[in-house]
Protein backbone atom coordinates (compact mmCIF):
# COMPACT_ATOMS: atom_id res chain seq x y z
CA MET A 1 -18.32 37.50 95.02
CA ASP A 2 -15.00 38.98 94.00
CA GLN A 3 -13.02 38.00 90.91
CA LYS A 4 -10.62 35.66 92.73
CA ASN A 5 -13.45 33.57 94.11
CA LEU A 6 -15.25 33.62 90.78
CA ILE A 7 -12.12 32.32 89.04
CA LYS A 8 -11.87 29.46 91.57
CA LEU A 9 -15.52 28.55 91.05
CA LEU A 10 -15.11 28.62 87.27
CA GLY A 11 -11.94 26.53 87.53
CA PHE A 12 -13.78 23.88 89.52
CA TRP A 13 -16.72 23.98 87.12
CA ILE A 14 -14.58 23.57 84.01
CA SER A 15 -12.47 20.79 85.51
CA ASN A 16 -15.56 18.93 86.73
CA THR A 17 -17.14 19.25 83.28
CA ILE A 18 -14.05 17.82 81.60
CA VAL A 19 -13.72 14.92 84.07
CA LEU A 20 -17.40 13.97 83.83
CA SER A 21 -17.25 14.13 80.03
CA ILE A 22 -14.16 11.92 79.92
CA PHE A 23 -15.69 9.35 82.26
CA SER A 24 -18.88 9.35 80.23
CA ALA A 25 -16.99 8.84 76.97
CA LEU A 26 -14.46 6.24 78.14
CA TYR A 27 -16.50 4.32 80.69
CA VAL A 28 -19.77 4.03 78.81
CA GLY A 29 -21.33 1.31 80.97
CA GLY A 30 -20.40 2.95 84.27
CA VAL A 31 -21.12 6.66 83.87
CA VAL A 32 -23.99 7.92 81.73
CA LEU A 33 -24.84 11.56 81.21
CA GLY A 34 -28.25 12.56 79.89
CA ASN A 35 -31.60 10.81 79.72
CA ALA A 36 -34.84 11.07 77.75
CA SER A 37 -35.57 14.59 78.99
CA ILE A 38 -32.06 16.04 79.51
CA SER A 39 -29.42 16.03 76.79
CA LYS A 40 -25.86 14.91 77.49
CA PRO A 41 -24.27 18.41 77.30
CA VAL A 42 -26.89 19.94 79.58
CA ALA A 43 -26.56 17.10 82.10
CA THR A 44 -22.78 17.48 82.06
CA ILE A 45 -22.89 21.23 82.65
CA ILE A 46 -25.56 21.10 85.36
CA ASN A 47 -23.96 18.26 87.33
CA ALA A 48 -20.51 19.84 87.06
CA LEU A 49 -21.93 23.15 88.30
CA ILE A 50 -23.60 21.52 91.29
CA LEU A 51 -20.34 19.75 92.18
CA ALA A 52 -18.35 22.98 91.70
CA ILE A 53 -20.61 25.01 93.98
CA VAL A 54 -20.51 22.42 96.75
CA VAL A 55 -16.72 21.93 96.47
CA TYR A 56 -16.22 25.71 96.40
CA LEU A 57 -18.01 25.92 99.77
CA VAL A 58 -15.86 23.20 101.41
CA PRO A 59 -13.04 25.47 102.75
CA SER A 60 -15.47 27.82 104.47
CA ILE A 61 -17.36 24.91 106.01
CA VAL A 62 -14.14 23.32 107.28
CA LYS A 63 -13.04 26.64 108.80
CA LYS A 64 -16.38 26.99 110.58
CA LEU A 65 -16.04 23.49 112.04
CA ASP A 66 -12.59 24.49 113.38
CA LEU A 67 -11.07 21.01 113.36
CA LYS A 68 -7.61 20.65 114.88
CA ILE A 69 -6.04 18.09 112.53
CA LYS A 70 -2.27 17.70 112.31
CA ILE A 71 -2.14 16.27 108.79
CA SER A 72 -0.80 18.42 105.96
CA ALA A 73 -3.34 20.86 104.61
CA GLU A 74 -3.21 19.32 101.13
CA LYS A 75 -4.12 15.85 102.43
CA VAL A 76 -6.96 17.22 104.52
CA GLN A 77 -8.21 19.21 101.54
CA ALA A 78 -8.09 16.11 99.31
CA ALA A 79 -9.99 14.08 101.92
CA ASP A 80 -12.59 16.84 102.27
CA TYR A 81 -13.04 17.10 98.52
CA PHE A 82 -13.30 13.32 98.24
CA LEU A 83 -15.99 13.07 100.91
CA VAL A 84 -18.00 15.92 99.45
CA ASN A 85 -17.69 14.57 95.90
CA PHE A 86 -18.70 11.10 97.04
CA VAL A 87 -21.82 12.30 98.85
CA VAL A 88 -22.88 14.75 96.13
CA LEU A 89 -22.28 12.24 93.31
CA TRP A 90 -24.28 9.62 95.17
CA ILE A 91 -27.16 12.08 95.65
CA LEU A 92 -27.02 13.19 92.01
CA LYS A 93 -26.94 9.53 90.95
CA ARG A 94 -30.02 8.78 93.03
CA LEU A 95 -31.82 11.71 91.36
CA ALA A 96 -30.92 10.54 87.85
CA ASP A 97 -34.37 11.32 86.44
CA ILE A 98 -33.87 14.97 87.38
CA THR A 99 -30.11 15.42 86.99
CA GLY A 100 -29.42 13.14 84.05
CA LEU A 101 -26.40 11.56 85.79
CA GLY A 102 -26.39 7.79 85.92
CA ILE A 103 -23.61 5.89 87.65
CA SER A 104 -23.95 2.11 87.64
CA SER A 105 -22.61 1.25 91.11
CA ILE A 106 -21.28 2.68 94.33
CA LEU A 107 -17.78 1.52 93.31
CA ASN A 108 -17.99 3.71 90.22
CA VAL A 109 -19.09 6.63 92.40
CA LEU A 110 -16.01 5.98 94.53
CA ILE A 111 -13.70 5.98 91.50
CA VAL A 112 -15.19 9.17 90.02
CA ALA A 113 -15.05 10.89 93.43
CA ILE A 114 -11.35 10.01 93.85
CA VAL A 115 -10.43 11.33 90.41
CA LEU A 116 -12.50 14.49 90.89
CA ALA A 117 -10.89 15.13 94.29
CA LEU A 118 -7.37 14.78 92.88
CA ILE A 119 -8.16 17.09 89.96
CA GLN A 120 -9.81 19.63 92.26
CA VAL A 121 -6.80 19.73 94.59
CA GLY A 122 -4.60 20.36 91.54
CA VAL A 123 -6.91 23.11 90.30
CA GLN A 124 -6.95 24.69 93.78
CA LYS A 125 -3.13 24.68 93.98
CA TYR A 126 -2.72 26.06 90.45
CA LEU A 127 -5.29 28.81 90.90
CA SER A 128 -3.89 29.80 94.30
CA LYS A 129 -0.42 30.27 92.77
CA THR A 130 -1.80 32.07 89.71
CA ILE A 131 -4.01 34.42 91.72
CA LYS A 132 -1.17 35.31 94.13
CA LYS A 133 1.06 36.33 91.18
CA SER A 134 -1.50 38.78 89.83
């Protein structure tokens, strides 16, 4: 993995960590990080890393599928990120005993997935511009 790809992965990881921490702090009844065996910081870091790795792989998966969609690339990317975040968050939520991520309902998964997708598109755009300059 070269430095440009590593920076993108780290950008996704950091942004996911911040978003999950904010949701956990502000929406206490809806998103819970940590359990009896996993502390809150460890659960935040692990779940954010899992999300970052999966989201990082999205562009290569979409290219391999070779879909001919005539919507702007940014909208397609946001939809892809949303779908991936939704599925991964739901799986992580179902494995709460292992992952330490508890989300109270599917509606809350939907809300967190939307916010994560929007943040990830912003991170992708920012890092693409920053990496091209250097």
